[in-house]
Amino acid sequence: MAEVIRSNDPLPGSFSDSAVSIGVFDGVHVGHRRVIDALCSARAASGLGRSVLITFNRHPLSLTHPGMSPRLLTTLDEKISILRQFDIDLILIEDFNKELAATDYREFLSKRLVERLGMKHLVIGYDFHLGRGREGNREHISAEGKRQGFAFTVVPPVVVNGSAVSSTRIRKNLLERRLHRAERLLSRPYFFDADVVSGRGIGRTIGFPTINLAIPDGDKLVPPRGVYAVRVGTGRGEFGGMMNIGSAPTMGPDAGRRIEAHLFDFSGDLYGSRVRTHCLEYLREEREFGGREGLEAQLALDREAARRILEKKC
């Protein structure tokens, strides 16, 4: 499993030769996976000592163009948990600050990659730019490779249904509740990590007890309001269920967005724990019912629909 360090941490051992990839890797989608495969292949083919993947503690746009910064497909902790599943030796988290944003791409290559990491091969995605003002395009980086003595690989896009896979495209699908399309581009269901917090306890009174979820990172993208089939990973195992994102209007005044999940075949207490919710399929929009009886009847139908979806996903 890959070791994870921050930019100011000492390197684990000596780095005389390495293959390096750098990028935001938000979502770690199928296009990113192609880059990671190329990184591992470059290290193996060239007989280099280590593979190093560099990513950032925040989305660069959150500093350079805050108004354009997107919601995150993966928080830093979520991203690390996915990246550690790959055959990478080291994951290096760069602190994206004003100093780094102002660094010339040639200096970044020479000081941070060649000198510090002993980089002999750099692997990047087709749309990646490096350094101040995004001046480090593929032509400039290639020229620096010849000058500084490292090989350079640009990985082409992964094309699905005629378009390149991108984090932007995945966000659009999620916001349109097209979870199956997002899943194909991610190669896994979209998920979010959240803390289980206390709620109103109303679900228990109508036979549908729920866990109330609070996402700790406000930049994380959450699917729009509605009811979803989900699979929730807990410290006690993984459970199928259904989730409501919204205000639960039938049960009282709108108090803003809530995320509540009813887990199938589960009993017990998860308060204070962190769970991972995999969003499998959109079931219906959130709506207000005439009273509890109507809500209970609809929830029973939702449960049946969610169970059918979960059976197909097994």
C-alpha atoms as a PDB file:
ATOM      1  CA  MET A   1       0.000   0.000   0.000  1.00  0.00           C
ATOM      2  CA  ALA A   2       1.284   3.443  -0.911  1.00  0.00           C
ATOM      3  CA  GLU A   3       2.860   5.611   1.734  1.00  0.00           C
ATOM      4  CA  VAL A   4       1.271   9.077   2.054  1.00  0.00           C
ATOM      5  CA  ILE A   5       3.245  12.184   2.995  1.00  0.00           C
ATOM      6  CA  ARG A   6       2.720  15.948   2.895  1.00  0.00           C
ATOM      7  CA  SER A   7       4.901  18.362   0.952  1.00  0.00           C
ATOM      8  CA  ASN A   8       6.899  19.439   4.021  1.00  0.00           C
ATOM      9  CA  ASP A   9       7.428  15.925   5.384  1.00  0.00           C
ATOM     10  CA  PRO A  10      10.827  14.267   4.951  1.00  0.00           C
ATOM     11  CA  LEU A  11      10.975  11.776   2.116  1.00  0.00           C
ATOM     12  CA  PRO A  12      10.956   8.106   3.146  1.00  0.00           C
ATOM     13  CA  GLY A  13      14.449   7.063   2.140  1.00  0.00           C
ATOM     14  CA  SER A  14      16.546   8.187  -0.794  1.00  0.00           C
ATOM     15  CA  PHE A  15      15.131   9.024  -4.201  1.00  0.00           C
ATOM     16  CA  SER A  16      17.758   8.561  -6.881  1.00  0.00           C
ATOM     17  CA  ASP A  17      15.368   7.662  -9.678  1.00  0.00           C
ATOM     18  CA  SER A  18      11.595   7.736  -9.894  1.00  0.00           C
ATOM     19  CA  ALA A  19       8.610   7.889 -12.198  1.00  0.00           C
ATOM     20  CA  VAL A  20       6.280  10.748 -11.279  1.00  0.00           C
ATOM     21  CA  SER A  21       2.745  11.794 -12.132  1.00  0.00           C
ATOM     22  CA  ILE A  22       1.063  14.991 -10.993  1.00  0.00           C
ATOM     23  CA  GLY A  23      -2.526  16.172 -11.182  1.00  0.00           C
ATOM     24  CA  VAL A  24      -5.680  17.092  -9.301  1.00  0.00           C
ATOM     25  CA  PHE A  25      -7.180  13.595  -9.768  1.00  0.00           C
ATOM     26  CA  ASP A  26     -10.587  14.752  -8.521  1.00  0.00           C
ATOM     27  CA  GLY A  27     -12.833  11.707  -8.575  1.00  0.00           C
ATOM     28  CA  VAL A  28     -10.033   9.322  -9.625  1.00  0.00           C
ATOM     29  CA  HIS A  29     -12.141   8.449 -12.666  1.00  0.00           C
ATOM     30  CA  VAL A  30     -11.318   6.087 -15.540  1.00  0.00           C
ATOM     31  CA  GLY A  31      -9.189   8.741 -17.266  1.00  0.00           C
ATOM     32  CA  HIS A  32      -7.138   9.217 -14.107  1.00  0.00           C
ATOM     33  CA  ARG A  33      -6.790   5.468 -13.788  1.00  0.00           C
ATOM     34  CA  ARG A  34      -5.272   5.359 -17.270  1.00  0.00           C
ATOM     35  CA  VAL A  35      -2.684   7.913 -16.115  1.00  0.00           C
ATOM     36  CA  ILE A  36      -1.917   5.870 -12.994  1.00  0.00           C
ATOM     37  CA  ASP A  37      -1.531   2.709 -15.095  1.00  0.00           C
ATOM     38  CA  ALA A  38       0.893   4.589 -17.354  1.00  0.00           C
ATOM     39  CA  LEU A  39       2.853   5.757 -14.295  1.00  0.00           C
ATOM     40  CA  CYS A  40       3.215   2.206 -12.994  1.00  0.00           C
ATOM     41  CA  SER A  41       4.140   0.934 -16.459  1.00  0.00           C
ATOM     42  CA  ALA A  42       6.781   3.650 -16.875  1.00  0.00           C
ATOM     43  CA  ARG A  43       8.408   2.726 -13.575  1.00  0.00           C
ATOM     44  CA  ALA A  44       8.430  -0.990 -14.410  1.00  0.00           C
ATOM     45  CA  ALA A  45       9.570  -0.628 -18.028  1.00  0.00           C
ATOM     46  CA  SER A  46      12.437   1.698 -17.152  1.00  0.00           C
ATOM     47  CA  GLY A  47      13.463  -0.196 -14.031  1.00  0.00           C
ATOM     48  CA  LEU A  48      13.065   2.916 -11.917  1.00  0.00           C
ATOM     49  CA  GLY A  49      13.149   2.759  -8.149  1.00  0.00           C
ATOM     50  CA  ARG A  50       9.788   4.248  -7.193  1.00  0.00           C
ATOM     51  CA  SER A  51       6.515   5.536  -8.516  1.00  0.00           C
ATOM     52  CA  VAL A  52       5.331   8.843  -7.045  1.00  0.00           C
ATOM     53  CA  LEU A  53       1.892  10.378  -7.497  1.00  0.00           C
ATOM     54  CA  ILE A  54       1.579  14.053  -6.587  1.00  0.00           C
ATOM     55  CA  THR A  55      -1.772  15.680  -5.931  1.00  0.00           C
ATOM     56  CA  PHE A  56      -2.991  18.721  -3.991  1.00  0.00           C
ATOM     57  CA  ASN A  57      -4.634  19.371  -0.648  1.00  0.00           C
ATOM     58  CA  ARG A  58      -7.247  21.562  -2.386  1.00  0.00           C
ATOM     59  CA  HIS A  59      -8.538  22.199  -5.871  1.00  0.00           C
ATOM     60  CA  PRO A  60      -6.190  24.794  -7.441  1.00  0.00           C
ATOM     61  CA  LEU A  61      -9.124  26.888  -8.638  1.00  0.00           C
ATOM     62  CA  SER A  62     -10.228  27.393  -5.035  1.00  0.00           C
ATOM     63  CA  LEU A  63      -7.183  29.645  -4.688  1.00  0.00           C
ATOM     64  CA  THR A  64      -6.593  31.041  -8.182  1.00  0.00           C
ATOM     65  CA  HIS A  65     -10.242  31.555  -9.244  1.00  0.00           C
ATOM     66  CA  PRO A  66     -12.529  30.947  -6.240  1.00  0.00           C
ATOM     67  CA  GLY A  67     -15.677  31.805  -8.174  1.00  0.00           C
ATOM     68  CA  MET A  68     -14.904  29.055 -10.682  1.00  0.00           C
ATOM     69  CA  SER A  69     -13.915  26.382  -8.174  1.00  0.00           C
ATOM     70  CA  PRO A  70     -16.092  23.279  -8.617  1.00  0.00           C
ATOM     71  CA  ARG A  71     -17.657  21.077  -5.985  1.00  0.00           C
ATOM     72  CA  LEU A  72     -15.365  18.155  -5.228  1.00  0.00           C
ATOM     73  CA  LEU A  73     -16.051  14.640  -6.452  1.00  0.00           C
ATOM     74  CA  THR A  74     -13.613  13.428  -3.811  1.00  0.00           C
ATOM     75  CA  THR A  75     -12.431  15.158  -0.662  1.00  0.00           C
ATOM     76  CA  LEU A  76      -8.738  14.790   0.089  1.00  0.00           C
ATOM     77  CA  ASP A  77      -9.320  11.879   2.478  1.00  0.00           C
ATOM     78  CA  GLU A  78     -11.637  10.148   0.007  1.00  0.00           C
ATOM     79  CA  LYS A  79      -9.153  10.620  -2.806  1.00  0.00           C
ATOM     80  CA  ILE A  80      -6.299   9.179  -0.759  1.00  0.00           C
ATOM     81  CA  SER A  81      -8.403   6.151   0.176  1.00  0.00           C
ATOM     82  CA  ILE A  82      -8.929   5.397  -3.534  1.00  0.00           C
ATOM     83  CA  LEU A  83      -5.353   6.119  -4.619  1.00  0.00           C
ATOM     84  CA  ARG A  84      -3.951   3.792  -1.981  1.00  0.00           C
ATOM     85  CA  GLN A  85      -5.631   0.890  -3.783  1.00  0.00           C
ATOM     86  CA  PHE A  86      -3.195   1.259  -6.691  1.00  0.00           C
ATOM     87  CA  ASP A  87       0.331  -0.090  -6.984  1.00  0.00           C
ATOM     88  CA  ILE A  88       1.962   3.271  -6.228  1.00  0.00           C
ATOM     89  CA  ASP A  89       4.941   3.601  -3.907  1.00  0.00           C
ATOM     90  CA  LEU A  90       4.382   7.140  -2.663  1.00  0.00           C
ATOM     91  CA  ILE A  91       1.497   9.625  -2.660  1.00  0.00           C
ATOM     92  CA  LEU A  92       2.749  13.172  -2.095  1.00  0.00           C
ATOM     93  CA  ILE A  93       0.186  15.810  -1.085  1.00  0.00           C
ATOM     94  CA  GLU A  94       1.313  19.267  -2.159  1.00  0.00           C
ATOM     95  CA  ASP A  95       0.009  22.258  -0.221  1.00  0.00           C
ATOM     96  CA  PHE A  96      -1.479  24.405  -2.982  1.00  0.00           C
ATOM     97  CA  ASN A  97      -0.791  27.906  -1.680  1.00  0.00           C
ATOM     98  CA  LYS A  98       0.065  31.280  -3.190  1.00  0.00           C
ATOM     99  CA  GLU A  99       3.755  30.434  -3.339  1.00  0.00           C
ATOM    100  CA  LEU A 100       3.128  27.234  -5.274  1.00  0.00           C
ATOM    101  CA  ALA A 101       0.652  28.947  -7.596  1.00  0.00           C
ATOM    102  CA  ALA A 102       3.290  31.553  -8.435  1.00  0.00           C
ATOM    103  CA  THR A 103       6.059  29.015  -9.125  1.00  0.00           C
ATOM    104  CA  ASP A 104       7.396  28.864 -12.660  1.00  0.00           C
ATOM    105  CA  TYR A 105       6.908  25.423 -14.220  1.00  0.00           C
ATOM    106  CA  ARG A 106      10.639  25.114 -14.986  1.00  0.00           C
ATOM    107  CA  GLU A 107      11.545  25.721 -11.363  1.00  0.00           C
ATOM    108  CA  PHE A 108       8.884  23.276 -10.188  1.00  0.00           C
ATOM    109  CA  LEU A 109      10.255  20.597 -12.506  1.00  0.00           C
ATOM    110  CA  SER A 110      13.879  21.150 -11.550  1.00  0.00           C
ATOM    111  CA  LYS A 111      13.588  21.795  -7.797  1.00  0.00           C
ATOM    112  CA  ARG A 112      10.609  19.726  -6.669  1.00  0.00           C
ATOM    113  CA  LEU A 113      10.693  16.844  -9.117  1.00  0.00           C
ATOM    114  CA  VAL A 114      14.165  16.301 -10.576  1.00  0.00           C
ATOM    115  CA  GLU A 115      16.284  17.363  -7.596  1.00  0.00           C
ATOM    116  CA  ARG A 116      14.034  16.266  -4.747  1.00  0.00           C
ATOM    117  CA  LEU A 117      12.479  13.120  -6.203  1.00  0.00           C
ATOM    118  CA  GLY A 118      15.152  12.108  -8.680  1.00  0.00           C
ATOM    119  CA  MET A 119      12.536  12.098 -11.417  1.00  0.00           C
ATOM    120  CA  LYS A 120      13.514  10.273 -14.593  1.00  0.00           C
ATOM    121  CA  HIS A 121      10.055   9.959 -16.150  1.00  0.00           C
ATOM    122  CA  LEU A 122       7.043  12.281 -15.914  1.00  0.00           C
ATOM    123  CA  VAL A 123       3.538  11.072 -16.776  1.00  0.00           C
ATOM    124  CA  ILE A 124       0.612  13.511 -17.092  1.00  0.00           C
ATOM    125  CA  GLY A 125      -2.890  13.581 -18.530  1.00  0.00           C
ATOM    126  CA  TYR A 126      -3.598  15.205 -21.866  1.00  0.00           C
ATOM    127  CA  ASP A 127      -5.165  18.355 -20.373  1.00  0.00           C
ATOM    128  CA  PHE A 128      -2.741  19.000 -17.513  1.00  0.00           C
ATOM    129  CA  HIS A 129      -0.820  22.295 -17.232  1.00  0.00           C
ATOM    130  CA  LEU A 130       1.890  23.064 -14.726  1.00  0.00           C
ATOM    131  CA  GLY A 131       3.098  26.188 -12.969  1.00  0.00           C
ATOM    132  CA  ARG A 132       2.281  29.881 -12.845  1.00  0.00           C
ATOM    133  CA  GLY A 133      -0.450  30.884 -15.266  1.00  0.00           C
ATOM    134  CA  ARG A 134      -0.662  27.267 -16.501  1.00  0.00           C
ATOM    135  CA  GLU A 135       2.339  28.040 -18.706  1.00  0.00           C
ATOM    136  CA  GLY A 136       3.726  24.518 -18.478  1.00  0.00           C
ATOM    137  CA  ASN A 137       1.912  22.899 -21.386  1.00  0.00           C
ATOM    138  CA  ARG A 138       2.993  19.628 -22.989  1.00  0.00           C
ATOM    139  CA  GLU A 139       5.305  21.302 -25.497  1.00  0.00           C
ATOM    140  CA  HIS A 140       7.092  23.303 -22.816  1.00  0.00           C
ATOM    141  CA  ILE A 141       7.368  20.325 -20.479  1.00  0.00           C
ATOM    142  CA  SER A 142       8.692  18.140 -23.287  1.00  0.00           C
ATOM    143  CA  ALA A 143      11.395  20.730 -24.027  1.00  0.00           C
ATOM    144  CA  GLU A 144      12.342  20.813 -20.338  1.00  0.00           C
ATOM    145  CA  GLY A 145      12.545  17.026 -20.310  1.00  0.00           C
ATOM    146  CA  LYS A 146      15.181  17.135 -23.015  1.00  0.00           C
ATOM    147  CA  ARG A 147      17.064  19.857 -21.177  1.00  0.00           C
ATOM    148  CA  GLN A 148      16.802  18.399 -17.670  1.00  0.00           C
ATOM    149  CA  GLY A 149      17.102  14.741 -18.626  1.00  0.00           C
ATOM    150  CA  PHE A 150      13.740  13.107 -17.964  1.00  0.00           C
ATOM    151  CA  ALA A 151      11.411  11.147 -20.224  1.00  0.00           C
ATOM    152  CA  PHE A 152       7.908  12.484 -20.730  1.00  0.00           C
ATOM    153  CA  THR A 153       4.600  10.759 -21.436  1.00  0.00           C
ATOM    154  CA  VAL A 154       1.245  12.412 -22.159  1.00  0.00           C
ATOM    155  CA  VAL A 155      -1.680  10.037 -21.668  1.00  0.00           C
ATOM    156  CA  PRO A 156      -4.532  10.590 -24.155  1.00  0.00           C
ATOM    157  CA  PRO A 157      -8.132  10.927 -22.946  1.00  0.00           C
ATOM    158  CA  VAL A 158     -10.413   8.002 -22.324  1.00  0.00           C
ATOM    159  CA  VAL A 159     -13.400   8.460 -24.634  1.00  0.00           C
ATOM    160  CA  VAL A 160     -16.849   7.164 -23.670  1.00  0.00           C
ATOM    161  CA  ASN A 161     -19.831   7.724 -25.970  1.00  0.00           C
ATOM    162  CA  GLY A 162     -17.817  10.077 -28.155  1.00  0.00           C
ATOM    163  CA  SER A 163     -16.602  12.432 -25.406  1.00  0.00           C
ATOM    164  CA  ALA A 164     -13.545  12.524 -23.169  1.00  0.00           C
ATOM    165  CA  VAL A 165     -14.100  11.431 -19.592  1.00  0.00           C
ATOM    166  CA  SER A 166     -13.618  14.383 -17.247  1.00  0.00           C
ATOM    167  CA  SER A 167     -14.487  15.459 -13.721  1.00  0.00           C
ATOM    168  CA  THR A 168     -16.681  18.199 -15.206  1.00  0.00           C
ATOM    169  CA  ARG A 169     -18.698  15.676 -17.184  1.00  0.00           C
ATOM    170  CA  ILE A 170     -19.174  13.504 -14.093  1.00  0.00           C
ATOM    171  CA  ARG A 171     -20.382  16.481 -12.042  1.00  0.00           C
ATOM    172  CA  LYS A 172     -22.935  17.287 -14.725  1.00  0.00           C
ATOM    173  CA  ASN A 173     -24.283  13.744 -14.687  1.00  0.00           C
ATOM    174  CA  LEU A 174     -24.552  13.756 -10.902  1.00  0.00           C
ATOM    175  CA  LEU A 175     -26.376  17.082 -10.843  1.00  0.00           C
ATOM    176  CA  GLU A 176     -28.789  15.678 -13.436  1.00  0.00           C
ATOM    177  CA  ARG A 177     -29.257  12.591 -11.218  1.00  0.00           C
ATOM    178  CA  ARG A 178     -27.823  10.333 -13.939  1.00  0.00           C
ATOM    179  CA  LEU A 179     -25.984   8.191 -11.415  1.00  0.00           C
ATOM    180  CA  HIS A 180     -25.534   5.225 -13.750  1.00  0.00           C
ATOM    181  CA  ARG A 181     -23.665   7.430 -16.232  1.00  0.00           C
ATOM    182  CA  ALA A 182     -21.461   8.868 -13.507  1.00  0.00           C
ATOM    183  CA  GLU A 183     -20.764   5.335 -12.280  1.00  0.00           C
ATOM    184  CA  ARG A 184     -19.571   4.271 -15.715  1.00  0.00           C
ATOM    185  CA  LEU A 185     -17.163   7.208 -15.928  1.00  0.00           C
ATOM    186  CA  LEU A 186     -15.899   6.656 -12.391  1.00  0.00           C
ATOM    187  CA  SER A 187     -15.811   2.842 -12.676  1.00  0.00           C
ATOM    188  CA  ARG A 188     -17.619   2.719  -9.319  1.00  0.00           C
ATOM    189  CA  PRO A 189     -20.745   4.211  -7.745  1.00  0.00           C
ATOM    190  CA  TYR A 190     -20.395   7.790  -6.570  1.00  0.00           C
ATOM    191  CA  PHE A 191     -19.904   7.987  -2.814  1.00  0.00           C
ATOM    192  CA  PHE A 192     -19.492  10.404   0.047  1.00  0.00           C
ATOM    193  CA  ASP A 193     -18.112   9.987   3.564  1.00  0.00           C
ATOM    194  CA  ALA A 194     -20.199  11.437   6.382  1.00  0.00           C
ATOM    195  CA  ASP A 195     -20.510  11.433  10.148  1.00  0.00           C
ATOM    196  CA  VAL A 196     -23.575   9.930  11.788  1.00  0.00           C
ATOM    197  CA  VAL A 197     -25.216  12.610  13.933  1.00  0.00           C
ATOM    198  CA  SER A 198     -28.349  12.811  16.038  1.00  0.00           C
ATOM    199  CA  GLY A 199     -31.610  13.624  14.274  1.00  0.00           C
ATOM    200  CA  ARG A 200     -35.265  14.123  15.118  1.00  0.00           C
ATOM    201  CA  GLY A 201     -35.955  10.402  15.607  1.00  0.00           C
ATOM    202  CA  ILE A 202     -39.180  10.595  13.586  1.00  0.00           C
ATOM    203  CA  GLY A 203     -38.320   7.788  11.179  1.00  0.00           C
ATOM    204  CA  ARG A 204     -38.288   5.293  14.033  1.00  0.00           C
ATOM    205  CA  THR A 205     -41.878   6.148  14.910  1.00  0.00           C
ATOM    206  CA  ILE A 206     -43.135   5.153  11.446  1.00  0.00           C
ATOM    207  CA  GLY A 207     -41.095   1.962  11.084  1.00  0.00           C
ATOM    208  CA  PHE A 208     -38.283   3.458   8.987  1.00  0.00           C
ATOM    209  CA  PRO A 209     -35.448   4.386  11.384  1.00  0.00           C
ATOM    210  CA  THR A 210     -32.750   6.454   9.738  1.00  0.00           C
ATOM    211  CA  ILE A 211     -29.194   7.533  10.296  1.00  0.00           C
ATOM    212  CA  ASN A 212     -28.624  11.258   9.863  1.00  0.00           C
ATOM    213  CA  LEU A 213     -25.513  12.135   7.896  1.00  0.00           C
ATOM    214  CA  ALA A 214     -23.332  15.234   8.129  1.00  0.00           C
ATOM    215  CA  ILE A 215     -20.673  15.712   5.468  1.00  0.00           C
ATOM    216  CA  PRO A 216     -17.634  17.370   7.083  1.00  0.00           C
ATOM    217  CA  ASP A 217     -16.304  19.047   3.918  1.00  0.00           C
ATOM    218  CA  GLY A 218     -18.591  21.793   2.594  1.00  0.00           C
ATOM    219  CA  ASP A 219     -16.945  21.620  -0.846  1.00  0.00           C
ATOM    220  CA  LYS A 220     -18.079  18.044  -1.444  1.00  0.00           C
ATOM    221  CA  LEU A 221     -20.619  17.583  -4.227  1.00  0.00           C
ATOM    222  CA  VAL A 222     -23.863  16.018  -2.988  1.00  0.00           C
ATOM    223  CA  PRO A 223     -26.523  14.763  -5.414  1.00  0.00           C
ATOM    224  CA  PRO A 224     -29.638  16.946  -5.700  1.00  0.00           C
ATOM    225  CA  ARG A 225     -32.663  16.578  -3.478  1.00  0.00           C
ATOM    226  CA  GLY A 226     -34.527  13.323  -3.898  1.00  0.00           C
ATOM    227  CA  VAL A 227     -34.739   9.691  -2.848  1.00  0.00           C
ATOM    228  CA  TYR A 228     -31.951   7.278  -3.799  1.00  0.00           C
ATOM    229  CA  ALA A 229     -31.041   3.623  -3.517  1.00  0.00           C
ATOM    230  CA  VAL A 230     -27.751   3.365  -1.631  1.00  0.00           C
ATOM    231  CA  ARG A 231     -25.227   0.999  -0.146  1.00  0.00           C
ATOM    232  CA  VAL A 232     -23.663   2.185   3.113  1.00  0.00           C
ATOM    233  CA  GLY A 233     -20.339   0.974   4.461  1.00  0.00           C
ATOM    234  CA  THR A 234     -20.089   0.992   8.252  1.00  0.00           C
ATOM    235  CA  GLY A 235     -17.751  -0.383  10.874  1.00  0.00           C
ATOM    236  CA  ARG A 236     -20.220  -3.268  11.195  1.00  0.00           C
ATOM    237  CA  GLY A 237     -20.333  -4.143   7.514  1.00  0.00           C
ATOM    238  CA  GLU A 238     -22.052  -2.887   4.388  1.00  0.00           C
ATOM    239  CA  PHE A 239     -25.831  -2.490   4.206  1.00  0.00           C
ATOM    240  CA  GLY A 240     -28.235  -1.702   1.425  1.00  0.00           C
ATOM    241  CA  GLY A 241     -30.707   1.071   1.986  1.00  0.00           C
ATOM    242  CA  MET A 242     -32.503   4.138   0.725  1.00  0.00           C
ATOM    243  CA  MET A 243     -31.598   7.742   1.297  1.00  0.00           C
ATOM    244  CA  ASN A 244     -33.510  10.996   1.276  1.00  0.00           C
ATOM    245  CA  ILE A 245     -31.727  14.259   0.536  1.00  0.00           C
ATOM    246  CA  GLY A 246     -33.988  17.175   1.324  1.00  0.00           C
ATOM    247  CA  SER A 247     -36.145  18.619   4.050  1.00  0.00           C
ATOM    248  CA  ALA A 248     -38.627  15.758   4.725  1.00  0.00           C
ATOM    249  CA  PRO A 249     -41.561  18.197   4.378  1.00  0.00           C
ATOM    250  CA  THR A 250     -44.258  15.757   5.502  1.00  0.00           C
ATOM    251  CA  MET A 251     -42.641  15.473   8.923  1.00  0.00           C
ATOM    252  CA  GLY A 252     -42.418  19.149   9.809  1.00  0.00           C
ATOM    253  CA  PRO A 253     -41.177  22.609   8.794  1.00  0.00           C
ATOM    254  CA  ASP A 254     -38.357  22.862   6.265  1.00  0.00           C
ATOM    255  CA  ALA A 255     -35.138  23.225   8.241  1.00  0.00           C
ATOM    256  CA  GLY A 256     -32.772  23.131   5.280  1.00  0.00           C
ATOM    257  CA  ARG A 257     -31.141  20.156   3.626  1.00  0.00           C
ATOM    258  CA  ARG A 258     -30.955  16.920   5.559  1.00  0.00           C
ATOM    259  CA  ILE A 259     -29.389  13.640   4.500  1.00  0.00           C
ATOM    260  CA  GLU A 260     -31.113  10.628   6.040  1.00  0.00           C
ATOM    261  CA  ALA A 261     -30.571   6.966   5.181  1.00  0.00           C
ATOM    262  CA  HIS A 262     -32.680   3.977   6.165  1.00  0.00           C
ATOM    263  CA  LEU A 263     -30.525   0.821   6.249  1.00  0.00           C
ATOM    264  CA  PHE A 264     -32.058  -2.544   5.425  1.00  0.00           C
ATOM    265  CA  ASP A 265     -31.540  -5.461   7.795  1.00  0.00           C
ATOM    266  CA  PHE A 266     -29.708  -3.320  10.317  1.00  0.00           C
ATOM    267  CA  SER A 267     -30.349  -2.628  13.969  1.00  0.00           C
ATOM    268  CA  GLY A 268     -28.196  -0.767  16.387  1.00  0.00           C
ATOM    269  CA  ASP A 269     -26.516   2.551  16.955  1.00  0.00           C
ATOM    270  CA  LEU A 270     -23.993   4.235  14.644  1.00  0.00           C
ATOM    271  CA  TYR A 271     -23.885   7.654  16.335  1.00  0.00           C
ATOM    272  CA  GLY A 272     -20.461   9.257  16.188  1.00  0.00           C
ATOM    273  CA  SER A 273     -19.106   6.926  13.510  1.00  0.00           C
ATOM    274  CA  ARG A 274     -18.145   7.750   9.943  1.00  0.00           C
ATOM    275  CA  VAL A 275     -19.818   5.858   7.113  1.00  0.00           C
ATOM    276  CA  ARG A 276     -19.380   5.732   3.350  1.00  0.00           C
ATOM    277  CA  THR A 277     -22.570   6.062   1.308  1.00  0.00           C
ATOM    278  CA  HIS A 278     -22.523   4.741  -2.261  1.00  0.00           C
ATOM    279  CA  CYS A 279     -25.244   6.375  -4.356  1.00  0.00           C
ATOM    280  CA  LEU A 280     -26.601   3.687  -6.682  1.00  0.00           C
ATOM    281  CA  GLU A 281     -29.716   5.021  -8.384  1.00  0.00           C
ATOM    282  CA  TYR A 282     -32.205   7.870  -8.231  1.00  0.00           C
ATOM    283  CA  LEU A 283     -35.693   6.701  -7.250  1.00  0.00           C
ATOM    284  CA  ARG A 284     -37.932   9.762  -7.167  1.00  0.00           C
ATOM    285  CA  GLU A 285     -38.186  13.418  -6.250  1.00  0.00           C
ATOM    286  CA  GLU A 286     -38.856  14.483  -2.694  1.00  0.00           C
ATOM    287  CA  ARG A 287     -42.457  15.553  -2.183  1.00  0.00           C
ATOM    288  CA  GLU A 288     -44.907  16.279   0.582  1.00  0.00           C
ATOM    289  CA  PHE A 289     -47.621  13.781   1.426  1.00  0.00           C
ATOM    290  CA  GLY A 290     -50.969  14.419   3.058  1.00  0.00           C
ATOM    291  CA  GLY A 291     -49.933  12.735   6.280  1.00  0.00           C
ATOM    292  CA  ARG A 292     -47.962   9.903   7.796  1.00  0.00           C
ATOM    293  CA  GLU A 293     -50.053   7.150   6.226  1.00  0.00           C
ATOM    294  CA  GLY A 294     -49.303   8.371   2.720  1.00  0.00           C
ATOM    295  CA  LEU A 295     -45.634   8.743   3.557  1.00  0.00           C
ATOM    296  CA  GLU A 296     -45.428   5.244   5.054  1.00  0.00           C
ATOM    297  CA  ALA A 297     -47.044   3.734   1.958  1.00  0.00           C
ATOM    298  CA  GLN A 298     -44.605   5.530  -0.332  1.00  0.00           C
ATOM    299  CA  LEU A 299     -41.605   4.529   1.791  1.00  0.00           C
ATOM    300  CA  ALA A 300     -42.683   0.900   1.529  1.00  0.00           C
ATOM    301  CA  LEU A 301     -42.710   1.242  -2.274  1.00  0.00           C
ATOM    302  CA  ASP A 302     -39.308   2.963  -2.175  1.00  0.00           C
ATOM    303  CA  ARG A 303     -37.918   0.120  -0.097  1.00  0.00           C
ATOM    304  CA  GLU A 304     -39.108  -2.454  -2.626  1.00  0.00           C
ATOM    305  CA  ALA A 305     -37.630  -0.459  -5.512  1.00  0.00           C
ATOM    306  CA  ALA A 306     -34.314  -0.005  -3.722  1.00  0.00           C
ATOM    307  CA  ARG A 307     -34.090  -3.713  -2.879  1.00  0.00           C
ATOM    308  CA  ARG A 308     -34.628  -4.612  -6.544  1.00  0.00           C
ATOM    309  CA  ILE A 309     -31.800  -2.278  -7.548  1.00  0.00           C
ATOM    310  CA  LEU A 310     -29.514  -3.704  -4.881  1.00  0.00           C
ATOM    311  CA  GLU A 311     -30.221  -7.243  -6.097  1.00  0.00           C
ATOM    312  CA  LYS A 312     -29.137  -6.267  -9.606  1.00  0.00           C
ATOM    313  CA  LYS A 313     -25.948  -4.638  -8.278  1.00  0.00           C
ATOM    314  CA  CYS A 314     -24.848  -7.752  -6.373  1.00  0.00           C
END
